[in-house]
Structure formats: structure tokens, C-alpha cells
Amino acid sequence: MAIMLVYITTGDVEEAREIGGELIMRHLAACVNIFEKMESMYWWEGKLERSEEAVLLAKTPPELVEKLIQTVKNIHSYDCPAIVAIESKQGNDEFFEWVKSHTG
């Protein structure tokens, strides 16, 4: 069994809560973690940018990743949000089962 950890950056903690809540309510993620005040550096429109962002980490089964990504893109404030899905095949099997039972 596997689950996906989906890493998403957001403009601030309020946006992370909004997106995370939507993912939970739609049963696209079993749970989310929100990390406040992450500093980011990146190129945007030819300039080096620095900003404070929040990180949202969603846990979901592999079969829901595409729908989760599309949902995030539809409600995110960024033109090009960072959404990266990472597969996890090892961990607490009971947690993996819990994620599966609370999504879909």
C-alpha cells in the first residue's frame, strides 16, 4: 500500500487553511499539516524574489492525486502554484489504512 504526500506552497497561513479545509471537506485528503512562515526564494518573471509563505502537506491515496491537484489549482491564488506529490510506500500501515478510509 502507498499514500501520497502532496507538498503545496501558499501565500499565507489563511490560504493554506482555506485550501486544506476544502481538500478535507471534499475527502480529497485525509489530513493536512500547515507550516507557517517559511521563507522562499525563487525566480519569477525574470527577477529573483523573496517571500514568506506557508506550506500545506496533504495526505491522500494515489488515485486521488490528480483530482486534488486540479482542485488546488482552481482555488489557489498563485498563477503557478507549487504542488508536488511524493509517494510513500513505507510507514505505519495503520496510518496508511486510516488515510484510505477517510478519502474517496
PDB file of N, CA and C in Angstrom:
ATOM      1  N   MET A   1       0.847  -1.182   0.000  1.00  0.00           N
ATOM      2  CA  MET A   1       0.000   0.000   0.000  1.00  0.00           C
ATOM      3  C   MET A   1       0.890   1.242   0.000  1.00  0.00           C
ATOM      4  N   ALA A   2       0.358   2.300  -0.574  1.00  0.00           N
ATOM      5  CA  ALA A   2       1.101   3.566  -0.621  1.00  0.00           C
ATOM      6  C   ALA A   2       0.148   4.718  -0.345  1.00  0.00           C
ATOM      7  N   ILE A   3       0.705   5.800   0.131  1.00  0.00           N
ATOM      8  CA  ILE A   3      -0.021   7.063   0.197  1.00  0.00           C
ATOM      9  C   ILE A   3       0.842   8.123  -0.468  1.00  0.00           C
ATOM     10  N   MET A   4       0.229   9.225  -0.769  1.00  0.00           N
ATOM     11  CA  MET A   4       0.937  10.335  -1.370  1.00  0.00           C
ATOM     12  C   MET A   4       0.990  11.488  -0.382  1.00  0.00           C
ATOM     13  N   LEU A   5       2.152  12.096  -0.281  1.00  0.00           N
ATOM     14  CA  LEU A   5       2.332  13.324   0.479  1.00  0.00           C
ATOM     15  C   LEU A   5       2.394  14.432  -0.557  1.00  0.00           C
ATOM     16  N   VAL A   6       1.448  15.347  -0.506  1.00  0.00           N
ATOM     17  CA  VAL A   6       1.378  16.408  -1.513  1.00  0.00           C
ATOM     18  C   VAL A   6       1.787  17.720  -0.865  1.00  0.00           C
ATOM     19  N   TYR A   7       2.929  18.234  -1.329  1.00  0.00           N
ATOM     20  CA  TYR A   7       3.534  19.470  -0.835  1.00  0.00           C
ATOM     21  C   TYR A   7       2.976  20.631  -1.648  1.00  0.00           C
ATOM     22  N   ILE A   8       2.426  21.638  -0.957  1.00  0.00           N
ATOM     23  CA  ILE A   8       1.814  22.788  -1.621  1.00  0.00           C
ATOM     24  C   ILE A   8       2.270  24.057  -0.900  1.00  0.00           C
ATOM     25  N   THR A   9       2.784  25.035  -1.627  1.00  0.00           N
ATOM     26  CA  THR A   9       3.095  26.321  -1.001  1.00  0.00           C
ATOM     27  C   THR A   9       1.920  27.265  -1.220  1.00  0.00           C
ATOM     28  N   THR A  10       1.706  28.145  -0.234  1.00  0.00           N
ATOM     29  CA  THR A  10       0.612  29.116  -0.303  1.00  0.00           C
ATOM     30  C   THR A  10       1.121  30.484   0.128  1.00  0.00           C
ATOM     31  N   GLY A  11       0.358  31.504  -0.197  1.00  0.00           N
ATOM     32  CA  GLY A  11       0.752  32.873   0.115  1.00  0.00           C
ATOM     33  C   GLY A  11       0.829  33.175   1.601  1.00  0.00           C
ATOM     34  N   ASP A  12      -0.029  32.516   2.383  1.00  0.00           N
ATOM     35  CA  ASP A  12      -0.026  32.734   3.826  1.00  0.00           C
ATOM     36  C   ASP A  12      -0.803  31.609   4.505  1.00  0.00           C
ATOM     37  N   VAL A  13      -0.820  31.636   5.826  1.00  0.00           N
ATOM     38  CA  VAL A  13      -1.463  30.561   6.582  1.00  0.00           C
ATOM     39  C   VAL A  13      -2.975  30.539   6.362  1.00  0.00           C
ATOM     40  N   GLU A  14      -3.589  31.679   6.136  1.00  0.00           N
ATOM     41  CA  GLU A  14      -5.026  31.707   5.889  1.00  0.00           C
ATOM     42  C   GLU A  14      -5.366  30.968   4.603  1.00  0.00           C
ATOM     43  N   GLU A  15      -4.575  31.198   3.548  1.00  0.00           N
ATOM     44  CA  GLU A  15      -4.815  30.485   2.291  1.00  0.00           C
ATOM     45  C   GLU A  15      -4.573  28.990   2.471  1.00  0.00           C
ATOM     46  N   ALA A  16      -3.550  28.623   3.219  1.00  0.00           N
ATOM     47  CA  ALA A  16      -3.287  27.205   3.482  1.00  0.00           C
ATOM     48  C   ALA A  16      -4.474  26.570   4.195  1.00  0.00           C
ATOM     49  N   ARG A  17      -5.044  27.282   5.165  1.00  0.00           N
ATOM     50  CA  ARG A  17      -6.219  26.759   5.890  1.00  0.00           C
ATOM     51  C   ARG A  17      -7.417  26.617   4.960  1.00  0.00           C
ATOM     52  N   GLU A  18      -7.614  27.598   4.094  1.00  0.00           N
ATOM     53  CA  GLU A  18      -8.731  27.551   3.153  1.00  0.00           C
ATOM     54  C   GLU A  18      -8.597  26.349   2.211  1.00  0.00           C
ATOM     55  N   ILE A  19      -7.432  26.201   1.614  1.00  0.00           N
ATOM     56  CA  ILE A  19      -7.211  25.090   0.689  1.00  0.00           C
ATOM     57  C   ILE A  19      -7.275  23.760   1.434  1.00  0.00           C
ATOM     58  N   GLY A  20      -6.609  23.676   2.575  1.00  0.00           N
ATOM     59  CA  GLY A  20      -6.625  22.445   3.355  1.00  0.00           C
ATOM     60  C   GLY A  20      -8.027  22.051   3.765  1.00  0.00           C
ATOM     61  N   GLY A  21      -8.811  23.007   4.216  1.00  0.00           N
ATOM     62  CA  GLY A  21     -10.187  22.730   4.601  1.00  0.00           C
ATOM     63  C   GLY A  21     -11.016  22.212   3.437  1.00  0.00           C
ATOM     64  N   GLU A  22     -10.804  22.800   2.284  1.00  0.00           N
ATOM     65  CA  GLU A  22     -11.530  22.369   1.086  1.00  0.00           C
ATOM     66  C   GLU A  22     -11.149  20.928   0.719  1.00  0.00           C
ATOM     67  N   LEU A  23      -9.867  20.596   0.812  1.00  0.00           N
ATOM     68  CA  LEU A  23      -9.421  19.235   0.497  1.00  0.00           C
ATOM     69  C   LEU A  23     -10.011  18.217   1.469  1.00  0.00           C
ATOM     70  N   ILE A  24     -10.079  18.580   2.738  1.00  0.00           N
ATOM     71  CA  ILE A  24     -10.654  17.688   3.751  1.00  0.00           C
ATOM     72  C   ILE A  24     -12.158  17.536   3.511  1.00  0.00           C
ATOM     73  N   MET A  25     -12.864  18.643   3.302  1.00  0.00           N
ATOM     74  CA  MET A  25     -14.315  18.600   3.116  1.00  0.00           C
ATOM     75  C   MET A  25     -14.714  17.798   1.876  1.00  0.00           C
ATOM     76  N   ARG A  26     -13.892  17.854   0.839  1.00  0.00           N
ATOM     77  CA  ARG A  26     -14.180  17.099  -0.392  1.00  0.00           C
ATOM     78  C   ARG A  26     -13.651  15.660  -0.327  1.00  0.00           C
ATOM     79  N   HIS A  27     -13.078  15.283   0.796  1.00  0.00           N
ATOM     80  CA  HIS A  27     -12.499  13.942   1.003  1.00  0.00           C
ATOM     81  C   HIS A  27     -11.388  13.628  -0.003  1.00  0.00           C
ATOM     82  N   LEU A  28     -10.655  14.686  -0.408  1.00  0.00           N
ATOM     83  CA  LEU A  28      -9.501  14.503  -1.293  1.00  0.00           C
ATOM     84  C   LEU A  28      -8.224  14.307  -0.490  1.00  0.00           C
ATOM     85  N   ALA A  29      -8.251  14.636   0.778  1.00  0.00           N
ATOM     86  CA  ALA A  29      -7.128  14.414   1.691  1.00  0.00           C
ATOM     87  C   ALA A  29      -7.711  13.968   3.026  1.00  0.00           C
ATOM     88  N   ALA A  30      -7.017  13.040   3.664  1.00  0.00           N
ATOM     89  CA  ALA A  30      -7.455  12.572   4.983  1.00  0.00           C
ATOM     90  C   ALA A  30      -7.062  13.572   6.057  1.00  0.00           C
ATOM     91  N   CYS A  31      -5.925  14.205   5.870  1.00  0.00           N
ATOM     92  CA  CYS A  31      -5.466  15.223   6.811  1.00  0.00           C
ATOM     93  C   CYS A  31      -4.455  16.117   6.116  1.00  0.00           C
ATOM     94  N   VAL A  32      -4.250  17.281   6.692  1.00  0.00           N
ATOM     95  CA  VAL A  32      -3.248  18.212   6.182  1.00  0.00           C
ATOM     96  C   VAL A  32      -2.448  18.760   7.360  1.00  0.00           C
ATOM     97  N   ASN A  33      -1.221  19.119   7.094  1.00  0.00           N
ATOM     98  CA  ASN A  33      -0.396  19.844   8.058  1.00  0.00           C
ATOM     99  C   ASN A  33      -0.083  21.193   7.452  1.00  0.00           C
ATOM    100  N   ILE A  34      -0.046  22.220   8.296  1.00  0.00           N
ATOM    101  CA  ILE A  34       0.254  23.572   7.836  1.00  0.00           C
ATOM    102  C   ILE A  34       1.474  24.077   8.589  1.00  0.00           C
ATOM    103  N   PHE A  35       2.461  24.527   7.833  1.00  0.00           N
ATOM    104  CA  PHE A  35       3.679  25.106   8.392  1.00  0.00           C
ATOM    105  C   PHE A  35       3.689  26.584   8.045  1.00  0.00           C
ATOM    106  N   GLU A  36       3.717  27.421   9.055  1.00  0.00           N
ATOM    107  CA  GLU A  36       3.703  28.873   8.877  1.00  0.00           C
ATOM    108  C   GLU A  36       5.105  29.427   8.646  1.00  0.00           C
ATOM    109  N   LYS A  37       5.152  30.572   8.035  1.00  0.00           N
ATOM    110  CA  LYS A  37       6.353  31.406   7.955  1.00  0.00           C
ATOM    111  C   LYS A  37       7.579  30.694   7.404  1.00  0.00           C
ATOM    112  N   MET A  38       7.437  30.136   6.223  1.00  0.00           N
ATOM    113  CA  MET A  38       8.571  29.586   5.512  1.00  0.00           C
ATOM    114  C   MET A  38       9.102  30.677   4.578  1.00  0.00           C
ATOM    115  N   GLU A  39      10.395  30.845   4.543  1.00  0.00           N
ATOM    116  CA  GLU A  39      10.974  31.823   3.617  1.00  0.00           C
ATOM    117  C   GLU A  39      11.287  31.129   2.303  1.00  0.00           C
ATOM    118  N   SER A  40      10.877  31.746   1.215  1.00  0.00           N
ATOM    119  CA  SER A  40      11.100  31.190  -0.115  1.00  0.00           C
ATOM    120  C   SER A  40      11.896  32.173  -0.962  1.00  0.00           C
ATOM    121  N   MET A  41      12.752  31.619  -1.808  1.00  0.00           N
ATOM    122  CA  MET A  41      13.487  32.390  -2.814  1.00  0.00           C
ATOM    123  C   MET A  41      13.274  31.689  -4.144  1.00  0.00           C
ATOM    124  N   TYR A  42      12.975  32.473  -5.192  1.00  0.00           N
ATOM    125  CA  TYR A  42      12.664  31.868  -6.488  1.00  0.00           C
ATOM    126  C   TYR A  42      12.732  32.927  -7.589  1.00  0.00           C
ATOM    127  N   TRP A  43      12.860  32.441  -8.818  1.00  0.00           N
ATOM    128  CA  TRP A  43      12.802  33.327  -9.970  1.00  0.00           C
ATOM    129  C   TRP A  43      11.360  33.480 -10.388  1.00  0.00           C
ATOM    130  N   TRP A  44      10.919  34.717 -10.629  1.00  0.00           N
ATOM    131  CA  TRP A  44       9.581  34.961 -11.153  1.00  0.00           C
ATOM    132  C   TRP A  44       9.625  36.160 -12.074  1.00  0.00           C
ATOM    133  N   GLU A  45       9.233  35.932 -13.318  1.00  0.00           N
ATOM    134  CA  GLU A  45       9.207  36.976 -14.342  1.00  0.00           C
ATOM    135  C   GLU A  45      10.545  37.698 -14.450  1.00  0.00           C
ATOM    136  N   GLY A  46      11.620  36.899 -14.457  1.00  0.00           N
ATOM    137  CA  GLY A  46      12.957  37.427 -14.677  1.00  0.00           C
ATOM    138  C   GLY A  46      13.629  38.055 -13.472  1.00  0.00           C
ATOM    139  N   LYS A  47      12.984  38.023 -12.298  1.00  0.00           N
ATOM    140  CA  LYS A  47      13.575  38.627 -11.112  1.00  0.00           C
ATOM    141  C   LYS A  47      13.680  37.596  -9.992  1.00  0.00           C
ATOM    142  N   LEU A  48      14.734  37.742  -9.196  1.00  0.00           N
ATOM    143  CA  LEU A  48      14.873  36.909  -8.012  1.00  0.00           C
ATOM    144  C   LEU A  48      13.942  37.462  -6.944  1.00  0.00           C
ATOM    145  N   GLU A  49      13.035  36.645  -6.468  1.00  0.00           N
ATOM    146  CA  GLU A  49      12.042  37.057  -5.483  1.00  0.00           C
ATOM    147  C   GLU A  49      12.321  36.382  -4.143  1.00  0.00           C
ATOM    148  N   ARG A  50      11.897  37.038  -3.106  1.00  0.00           N
ATOM    149  CA  ARG A  50      11.938  36.512  -1.737  1.00  0.00           C
ATOM    150  C   ARG A  50      10.584  36.778  -1.125  1.00  0.00           C
ATOM    151  N   SER A  51      10.023  35.759  -0.489  1.00  0.00           N
ATOM    152  CA  SER A  51       8.732  35.981   0.152  1.00  0.00           C
ATOM    153  C   SER A  51       8.555  35.023   1.321  1.00  0.00           C
ATOM    154  N   GLU A  52       7.604  35.358   2.160  1.00  0.00           N
ATOM    155  CA  GLU A  52       7.220  34.484   3.254  1.00  0.00           C
ATOM    156  C   GLU A  52       5.975  33.743   2.797  1.00  0.00           C
ATOM    157  N   GLU A  53       5.997  32.436   2.922  1.00  0.00           N
ATOM    158  CA  GLU A  53       4.876  31.615   2.503  1.00  0.00           C
ATOM    159  C   GLU A  53       4.513  30.648   3.629  1.00  0.00           C
ATOM    160  N   ALA A  54       3.436  29.915   3.412  1.00  0.00           N
ATOM    161  CA  ALA A  54       3.070  28.807   4.284  1.00  0.00           C
ATOM    162  C   ALA A  54       3.103  27.542   3.442  1.00  0.00           C
ATOM    163  N   VAL A  55       3.333  26.417   4.088  1.00  0.00           N
ATOM    164  CA  VAL A  55       3.362  25.127   3.400  1.00  0.00           C
ATOM    165  C   VAL A  55       2.192  24.290   3.889  1.00  0.00           C
ATOM    166  N   LEU A  56       1.550  23.660   2.952  1.00  0.00           N
ATOM    167  CA  LEU A  56       0.466  22.736   3.229  1.00  0.00           C
ATOM    168  C   LEU A  56       0.943  21.353   2.790  1.00  0.00           C
ATOM    169  N   LEU A  57       0.833  20.370   3.652  1.00  0.00           N
ATOM    170  CA  LEU A  57       1.217  18.995   3.335  1.00  0.00           C
ATOM    171  C   LEU A  57      -0.031  18.135   3.483  1.00  0.00           C
ATOM    172  N   ALA A  58      -0.529  17.623   2.368  1.00  0.00           N
ATOM    173  CA  ALA A  58      -1.756  16.828   2.363  1.00  0.00           C
ATOM    174  C   ALA A  58      -1.419  15.354   2.181  1.00  0.00           C
ATOM    175  N   LYS A  59      -2.182  14.490   2.875  1.00  0.00           N
ATOM    176  CA  LYS A  59      -2.009  13.052   2.741  1.00  0.00           C
ATOM    177  C   LYS A  59      -3.224  12.469   2.033  1.00  0.00           C
ATOM    178  N   THR A  60      -2.972  11.707   0.954  1.00  0.00           N
ATOM    179  CA  THR A  60      -4.047  11.176   0.133  1.00  0.00           C
ATOM    180  C   THR A  60      -3.608   9.881  -0.533  1.00  0.00           C
ATOM    181  N   PRO A  61      -4.542   9.051  -0.972  1.00  0.00           N
ATOM    182  CA  PRO A  61      -4.148   7.869  -1.734  1.00  0.00           C
ATOM    183  C   PRO A  61      -3.781   8.251  -3.169  1.00  0.00           C
ATOM    184  N   PRO A  62      -2.970   7.436  -3.831  1.00  0.00           N
ATOM    185  CA  PRO A  62      -2.513   7.764  -5.188  1.00  0.00           C
ATOM    186  C   PRO A  62      -3.631   8.060  -6.179  1.00  0.00           C
ATOM    187  N   GLU A  63      -4.744   7.361  -6.079  1.00  0.00           N
ATOM    188  CA  GLU A  63      -5.817   7.525  -7.064  1.00  0.00           C
ATOM    189  C   GLU A  63      -6.522   8.874  -6.980  1.00  0.00           C
ATOM    190  N   LEU A  64      -6.291   9.646  -5.919  1.00  0.00           N
ATOM    191  CA  LEU A  64      -6.936  10.956  -5.784  1.00  0.00           C
ATOM    192  C   LEU A  64      -6.009  12.130  -6.088  1.00  0.00           C
ATOM    193  N   VAL A  65      -4.763  11.854  -6.401  1.00  0.00           N
ATOM    194  CA  VAL A  65      -3.784  12.937  -6.585  1.00  0.00           C
ATOM    195  C   VAL A  65      -4.180  13.893  -7.696  1.00  0.00           C
ATOM    196  N   GLU A  66      -4.571  13.384  -8.845  1.00  0.00           N
ATOM    197  CA  GLU A  66      -4.896  14.277  -9.965  1.00  0.00           C
ATOM    198  C   GLU A  66      -6.078  15.184  -9.627  1.00  0.00           C
ATOM    199  N   LYS A  67      -7.093  14.640  -8.986  1.00  0.00           N
ATOM    200  CA  LYS A  67      -8.251  15.447  -8.600  1.00  0.00           C
ATOM    201  C   LYS A  67      -7.855  16.478  -7.543  1.00  0.00           C
ATOM    202  N   LEU A  68      -6.998  16.085  -6.607  1.00  0.00           N
ATOM    203  CA  LEU A  68      -6.510  17.013  -5.581  1.00  0.00           C
ATOM    204  C   LEU A  68      -5.738  18.155  -6.239  1.00  0.00           C
ATOM    205  N   ILE A  69      -4.848  17.831  -7.170  1.00  0.00           N
ATOM    206  CA  ILE A  69      -4.054  18.855  -7.857  1.00  0.00           C
ATOM    207  C   ILE A  69      -4.967  19.835  -8.586  1.00  0.00           C
ATOM    208  N   GLN A  70      -5.940  19.321  -9.308  1.00  0.00           N
ATOM    209  CA  GLN A  70      -6.847  20.197 -10.058  1.00  0.00           C
ATOM    210  C   GLN A  70      -7.646  21.100  -9.125  1.00  0.00           C
ATOM    211  N   THR A  71      -8.090  20.546  -7.999  1.00  0.00           N
ATOM    212  CA  THR A  71      -8.838  21.337  -7.019  1.00  0.00           C
ATOM    213  C   THR A  71      -7.981  22.468  -6.474  1.00  0.00           C
ATOM    214  N   VAL A  72      -6.732  22.156  -6.112  1.00  0.00           N
ATOM    215  CA  VAL A  72      -5.830  23.183  -5.592  1.00  0.00           C
ATOM    216  C   VAL A  72      -5.606  24.266  -6.642  1.00  0.00           C
ATOM    217  N   LYS A  73      -5.340  23.878  -7.884  1.00  0.00           N
ATOM    218  CA  LYS A  73      -5.106  24.860  -8.941  1.00  0.00           C
ATOM    219  C   LYS A  73      -6.313  25.774  -9.145  1.00  0.00           C
ATOM    220  N   ASN A  74      -7.506  25.233  -8.989  1.00  0.00           N
ATOM    221  CA  ASN A  74      -8.726  26.017  -9.200  1.00  0.00           C
ATOM    222  C   ASN A  74      -8.966  27.057  -8.111  1.00  0.00           C
ATOM    223  N   ILE A  75      -8.479  26.811  -6.886  1.00  0.00           N
ATOM    224  CA  ILE A  75      -8.765  27.753  -5.789  1.00  0.00           C
ATOM    225  C   ILE A  75      -7.541  28.523  -5.302  1.00  0.00           C
ATOM    226  N   HIS A  76      -6.366  28.170  -5.786  1.00  0.00           N
ATOM    227  CA  HIS A  76      -5.118  28.810  -5.334  1.00  0.00           C
ATOM    228  C   HIS A  76      -4.993  30.215  -5.914  1.00  0.00           C
ATOM    229  N   SER A  77      -4.389  31.113  -5.156  1.00  0.00           N
ATOM    230  CA  SER A  77      -4.216  32.495  -5.623  1.00  0.00           C
ATOM    231  C   SER A  77      -3.042  32.660  -6.594  1.00  0.00           C
ATOM    232  N   TYR A  78      -2.111  31.703  -6.623  1.00  0.00           N
ATOM    233  CA  TYR A  78      -0.940  31.816  -7.499  1.00  0.00           C
ATOM    234  C   TYR A  78      -1.280  31.419  -8.938  1.00  0.00           C
ATOM    235  N   ASP A  79      -0.582  32.043  -9.887  1.00  0.00           N
ATOM    236  CA  ASP A  79      -0.705  31.655 -11.294  1.00  0.00           C
ATOM    237  C   ASP A  79      -0.105  30.268 -11.527  1.00  0.00           C
ATOM    238  N   CYS A  80       0.961  29.969 -10.808  1.00  0.00           N
ATOM    239  CA  CYS A  80       1.683  28.713 -10.986  1.00  0.00           C
ATOM    240  C   CYS A  80       2.047  28.144  -9.611  1.00  0.00           C
ATOM    241  N   PRO A  81       1.066  27.559  -8.899  1.00  0.00           N
ATOM    242  CA  PRO A  81       1.357  27.075  -7.544  1.00  0.00           C
ATOM    243  C   PRO A  81       2.282  25.853  -7.541  1.00  0.00           C
ATOM    244  N   ALA A  82       3.134  25.789  -6.535  1.00  0.00           N
ATOM    245  CA  ALA A  82       3.986  24.606  -6.339  1.00  0.00           C
ATOM    246  C   ALA A  82       3.108  23.522  -5.727  1.00  0.00           C
ATOM    247  N   ILE A  83       2.938  22.439  -6.462  1.00  0.00           N
ATOM    248  CA  ILE A  83       2.192  21.267  -5.996  1.00  0.00           C
ATOM    249  C   ILE A  83       3.031  20.063  -6.392  1.00  0.00           C
ATOM    250  N   VAL A  84       3.571  19.368  -5.415  1.00  0.00           N
ATOM    251  CA  VAL A  84       4.473  18.253  -5.687  1.00  0.00           C
ATOM    252  C   VAL A  84       4.003  17.038  -4.893  1.00  0.00           C
ATOM    253  N   ALA A  85       3.690  15.948  -5.603  1.00  0.00           N
ATOM    254  CA  ALA A  85       3.229  14.720  -4.954  1.00  0.00           C
ATOM    255  C   ALA A  85       4.403  13.746  -4.816  1.00  0.00           C
ATOM    256  N   ILE A  86       4.588  13.251  -3.605  1.00  0.00           N
ATOM    257  CA  ILE A  86       5.677  12.327  -3.299  1.00  0.00           C
ATOM    258  C   ILE A  86       5.070  11.040  -2.763  1.00  0.00           C
ATOM    259  N   GLU A  87       5.413   9.914  -3.383  1.00  0.00           N
ATOM    260  CA  GLU A  87       4.868   8.631  -2.959  1.00  0.00           C
ATOM    261  C   GLU A  87       5.612   8.083  -1.750  1.00  0.00           C
ATOM    262  N   SER A  88       4.853   7.562  -0.804  1.00  0.00           N
ATOM    263  CA  SER A  88       5.430   6.907   0.365  1.00  0.00           C
ATOM    264  C   SER A  88       4.890   5.483   0.422  1.00  0.00           C
ATOM    265  N   LYS A  89       5.800   4.520   0.360  1.00  0.00           N
ATOM    266  CA  LYS A  89       5.405   3.116   0.387  1.00  0.00           C
ATOM    267  C   LYS A  89       5.669   2.469   1.738  1.00  0.00           C
ATOM    268  N   GLN A  90       6.411   3.147   2.578  1.00  0.00           N
ATOM    269  CA  GLN A  90       6.724   2.586   3.889  1.00  0.00           C
ATOM    270  C   GLN A  90       6.273   3.539   4.977  1.00  0.00           C
ATOM    271  N   GLY A  91       5.818   2.970   6.062  1.00  0.00           N
ATOM    272  CA  GLY A  91       5.368   3.767   7.189  1.00  0.00           C
ATOM    273  C   GLY A  91       4.444   2.934   8.058  1.00  0.00           C
ATOM    274  N   ASN A  92       3.680   3.606   8.869  1.00  0.00           N
ATOM    275  CA  ASN A  92       2.738   2.954   9.756  1.00  0.00           C
ATOM    276  C   ASN A  92       1.536   2.472   8.930  1.00  0.00           C
ATOM    277  N   ASP A  93       1.416   1.158   8.757  1.00  0.00           N
ATOM    278  CA  ASP A  93       0.331   0.593   7.948  1.00  0.00           C
ATOM    279  C   ASP A  93      -1.035   1.022   8.457  1.00  0.00           C
ATOM    280  N   GLU A  94      -1.191   1.157   9.764  1.00  0.00           N
ATOM    281  CA  GLU A  94      -2.469   1.607  10.322  1.00  0.00           C
ATOM    282  C   GLU A  94      -2.794   3.031   9.873  1.00  0.00           C
ATOM    283  N   PHE A  95      -1.782   3.888   9.803  1.00  0.00           N
ATOM    284  CA  PHE A  95      -1.996   5.255   9.316  1.00  0.00           C
ATOM    285  C   PHE A  95      -2.366   5.233   7.839  1.00  0.00           C
ATOM    286  N   PHE A  96      -1.678   4.426   7.048  1.00  0.00           N
ATOM    287  CA  PHE A  96      -1.989   4.321   5.625  1.00  0.00           C
ATOM    288  C   PHE A  96      -3.444   3.891   5.428  1.00  0.00           C
ATOM    289  N   GLU A  97      -3.883   2.921   6.213  1.00  0.00           N
ATOM    290  CA  GLU A  97      -5.278   2.458   6.149  1.00  0.00           C
ATOM    291  C   GLU A  97      -6.238   3.579   6.543  1.00  0.00           C
ATOM    292  N   TRP A  98      -5.860   4.344   7.567  1.00  0.00           N
ATOM    293  CA  TRP A  98      -6.683   5.464   8.015  1.00  0.00           C
ATOM    294  C   TRP A  98      -6.842   6.497   6.902  1.00  0.00           C
ATOM    295  N   VAL A  99      -5.735   6.828   6.228  1.00  0.00           N
ATOM    296  CA  VAL A  99      -5.789   7.786   5.107  1.00  0.00           C
ATOM    297  C   VAL A  99      -6.762   7.270   4.056  1.00  0.00           C
ATOM    298  N   LYS A 100      -6.642   6.006   3.699  1.00  0.00           N
ATOM    299  CA  LYS A 100      -7.506   5.394   2.678  1.00  0.00           C
ATOM    300  C   LYS A 100      -8.978   5.449   3.106  1.00  0.00           C
ATOM    301  N   SER A 101      -9.242   5.190   4.379  1.00  0.00           N
ATOM    302  CA  SER A 101     -10.627   5.119   4.861  1.00  0.00           C
ATOM    303  C   SER A 101     -11.291   6.493   4.990  1.00  0.00           C
ATOM    304  N   HIS A 102     -10.507   7.559   4.980  1.00  0.00           N
ATOM    305  CA  HIS A 102     -11.068   8.905   5.152  1.00  0.00           C
ATOM    306  C   HIS A 102     -11.008   9.744   3.874  1.00  0.00           C
ATOM    307  N   THR A 103     -10.835   9.091   2.744  1.00  0.00           N
ATOM    308  CA  THR A 103     -10.790   9.793   1.461  1.00  0.00           C
ATOM    309  C   THR A 103     -11.656   9.029   0.459  1.00  0.00           C
ATOM    310  N   GLY A 104     -11.886   9.672  -0.670  1.00  0.00           N
ATOM    311  CA  GLY A 104     -12.584   8.982  -1.752  1.00  0.00           C
ATOM    312  C   GLY A 104     -14.026   9.328  -1.885  1.00  0.00           C
TER     313      GLY A 104
END
